[in-house]
Amino acid sequence: MKRVSKTSILKNVKEALYRIKGYDGNITEDMDLNADLQLDSLDLVDLAMTLEEIYNFNIEITDEELEEFKTITDVIDVINNKLNID
């Protein structure tokens, strides 16, 4: 399977945030999902489901992984670990 860059993953995270909350501004990896983006627990579930859809359901984000989502970097890292398994 072709390796996926973190830049590509960030682009898809931005797309997911646009779909669920209409965010289209400057979203950076260090942003806090709650403090900076005001995402609540239901928004995080929507984010996970939207990312699974964007990746054509080739990934599944577990409840345990969802609990780890604090920053954009956390989201990128979970997806990166799922997509870039050798």
C-alpha atoms as a PDB file:
ATOM      1  CA  MET A   1       0.000   0.000   0.000  1.00  0.00           C
ATOM      2  CA  LYS A   2       1.289   3.468  -0.890  1.00  0.00           C
ATOM      3  CA  ARG A   3       2.398   5.559   2.085  1.00  0.00           C
ATOM      4  CA  VAL A   4       0.229   8.571   2.863  1.00  0.00           C
ATOM      5  CA  SER A   5       1.881  11.839   3.904  1.00  0.00           C
ATOM      6  CA  LYS A   6       0.900  13.738   7.025  1.00  0.00           C
ATOM      7  CA  THR A   7       0.252  16.746   4.766  1.00  0.00           C
ATOM      8  CA  SER A   8      -2.319  14.700   2.860  1.00  0.00           C
ATOM      9  CA  ILE A   9      -3.890  13.532   6.108  1.00  0.00           C
ATOM     10  CA  LEU A  10      -4.078  17.133   7.389  1.00  0.00           C
ATOM     11  CA  LYS A  11      -5.838  18.114   4.157  1.00  0.00           C
ATOM     12  CA  ASN A  12      -8.431  15.398   4.769  1.00  0.00           C
ATOM     13  CA  VAL A  13      -8.858  16.401   8.426  1.00  0.00           C
ATOM     14  CA  LYS A  14      -9.509  19.961   7.225  1.00  0.00           C
ATOM     15  CA  GLU A  15     -12.055  18.611   4.714  1.00  0.00           C
ATOM     16  CA  ALA A  16     -13.796  16.643   7.474  1.00  0.00           C
ATOM     17  CA  LEU A  17     -13.932  19.715   9.731  1.00  0.00           C
ATOM     18  CA  TYR A  18     -15.401  21.718   6.867  1.00  0.00           C
ATOM     19  CA  ARG A  19     -18.078  19.065   6.291  1.00  0.00           C
ATOM     20  CA  ILE A  20     -19.155  18.801   9.922  1.00  0.00           C
ATOM     21  CA  LYS A  21     -18.687  22.375  11.182  1.00  0.00           C
ATOM     22  CA  GLY A  22     -18.138  24.569   8.135  1.00  0.00           C
ATOM     23  CA  TYR A  23     -14.561  25.436   9.175  1.00  0.00           C
ATOM     24  CA  ASP A  24     -12.523  26.712   6.273  1.00  0.00           C
ATOM     25  CA  GLY A  25     -10.026  28.926   8.053  1.00  0.00           C
ATOM     26  CA  ASN A  26      -6.420  28.358   9.010  1.00  0.00           C
ATOM     27  CA  ILE A  27      -6.347  25.005  10.799  1.00  0.00           C
ATOM     28  CA  THR A  28      -2.953  23.994  12.162  1.00  0.00           C
ATOM     29  CA  GLU A  29      -1.656  20.786  13.697  1.00  0.00           C
ATOM     30  CA  ASP A  30      -1.270  22.282  17.167  1.00  0.00           C
ATOM     31  CA  MET A  31      -4.907  23.394  17.447  1.00  0.00           C
ATOM     32  CA  ASP A  32      -6.884  21.993  20.359  1.00  0.00           C
ATOM     33  CA  LEU A  33     -10.099  20.358  19.196  1.00  0.00           C
ATOM     34  CA  ASN A  34     -12.096  21.629  22.163  1.00  0.00           C
ATOM     35  CA  ALA A  35     -10.488  24.933  23.135  1.00  0.00           C
ATOM     36  CA  ASP A  36      -9.649  26.209  19.638  1.00  0.00           C
ATOM     37  CA  LEU A  37     -12.342  24.578  17.510  1.00  0.00           C
ATOM     38  CA  GLN A  38     -15.107  24.152  20.115  1.00  0.00           C
ATOM     39  CA  LEU A  39     -15.694  20.501  19.193  1.00  0.00           C
ATOM     40  CA  ASP A  40     -17.731  18.560  21.731  1.00  0.00           C
ATOM     41  CA  SER A  41     -17.915  14.774  22.087  1.00  0.00           C
ATOM     42  CA  LEU A  42     -20.645  14.451  19.440  1.00  0.00           C
ATOM     43  CA  ASP A  43     -18.587  16.549  17.030  1.00  0.00           C
ATOM     44  CA  LEU A  44     -15.643  14.194  17.605  1.00  0.00           C
ATOM     45  CA  VAL A  45     -17.823  11.209  16.701  1.00  0.00           C
ATOM     46  CA  ASP A  46     -18.911  13.065  13.547  1.00  0.00           C
ATOM     47  CA  LEU A  47     -15.263  13.845  12.792  1.00  0.00           C
ATOM     48  CA  ALA A  48     -14.282  10.178  13.116  1.00  0.00           C
ATOM     49  CA  MET A  49     -17.193   9.011  10.953  1.00  0.00           C
ATOM     50  CA  THR A  50     -16.455  11.642   8.302  1.00  0.00           C
ATOM     51  CA  LEU A  51     -12.784  10.677   8.193  1.00  0.00           C
ATOM     52  CA  GLU A  52     -13.731   7.012   7.820  1.00  0.00           C
ATOM     53  CA  GLU A  53     -15.942   8.033   4.885  1.00  0.00           C
ATOM     54  CA  ILE A  54     -13.203  10.194   3.310  1.00  0.00           C
ATOM     55  CA  TYR A  55     -10.863   7.202   3.453  1.00  0.00           C
ATOM     56  CA  ASN A  56     -13.526   4.998   1.823  1.00  0.00           C
ATOM     57  CA  PHE A  57     -13.948   3.036   5.054  1.00  0.00           C
ATOM     58  CA  ASN A  58     -10.395   1.657   4.784  1.00  0.00           C
ATOM     59  CA  ILE A  59      -9.875   2.822   8.362  1.00  0.00           C
ATOM     60  CA  GLU A  60     -11.923   2.405  11.507  1.00  0.00           C
ATOM     61  CA  ILE A  61     -11.444   4.781  14.420  1.00  0.00           C
ATOM     62  CA  THR A  62     -12.192   3.025  17.696  1.00  0.00           C
ATOM     63  CA  ASP A  63     -13.780   4.599  20.758  1.00  0.00           C
ATOM     64  CA  GLU A  64     -10.438   4.337  22.543  1.00  0.00           C
ATOM     65  CA  GLU A  65      -8.691   6.222  19.740  1.00  0.00           C
ATOM     66  CA  LEU A  66     -11.450   8.811  19.703  1.00  0.00           C
ATOM     67  CA  GLU A  67     -10.775   9.500  23.389  1.00  0.00           C
ATOM     68  CA  GLU A  68      -7.155  10.322  22.445  1.00  0.00           C
ATOM     69  CA  PHE A  69      -8.268  13.124  20.095  1.00  0.00           C
ATOM     70  CA  LYS A  70      -7.195  16.338  21.830  1.00  0.00           C
ATOM     71  CA  THR A  71      -5.366  18.166  19.028  1.00  0.00           C
ATOM     72  CA  ILE A  72      -5.243  18.034  15.244  1.00  0.00           C
ATOM     73  CA  THR A  73      -1.886  16.256  15.605  1.00  0.00           C
ATOM     74  CA  ASP A  74      -3.561  13.471  17.607  1.00  0.00           C
ATOM     75  CA  VAL A  75      -6.055  12.919  14.790  1.00  0.00           C
ATOM     76  CA  ILE A  76      -3.293  12.908  12.165  1.00  0.00           C
ATOM     77  CA  ASP A  77      -1.209  10.449  14.191  1.00  0.00           C
ATOM     78  CA  VAL A  78      -4.071   7.956  14.586  1.00  0.00           C
ATOM     79  CA  ILE A  79      -4.843   8.041  10.863  1.00  0.00           C
ATOM     80  CA  ASN A  80      -1.156   7.902   9.942  1.00  0.00           C
ATOM     81  CA  ASN A  81      -0.684   4.802  12.107  1.00  0.00           C
ATOM     82  CA  LYS A  82      -3.655   3.113  10.433  1.00  0.00           C
ATOM     83  CA  LEU A  83      -2.724   3.961   6.849  1.00  0.00           C
ATOM     84  CA  ASN A  84       1.031   3.546   6.957  1.00  0.00           C
ATOM     85  CA  ILE A  85       1.335   0.061   8.384  1.00  0.00           C
ATOM     86  CA  ASP A  86       4.126  -1.761   6.577  1.00  0.00           C
END
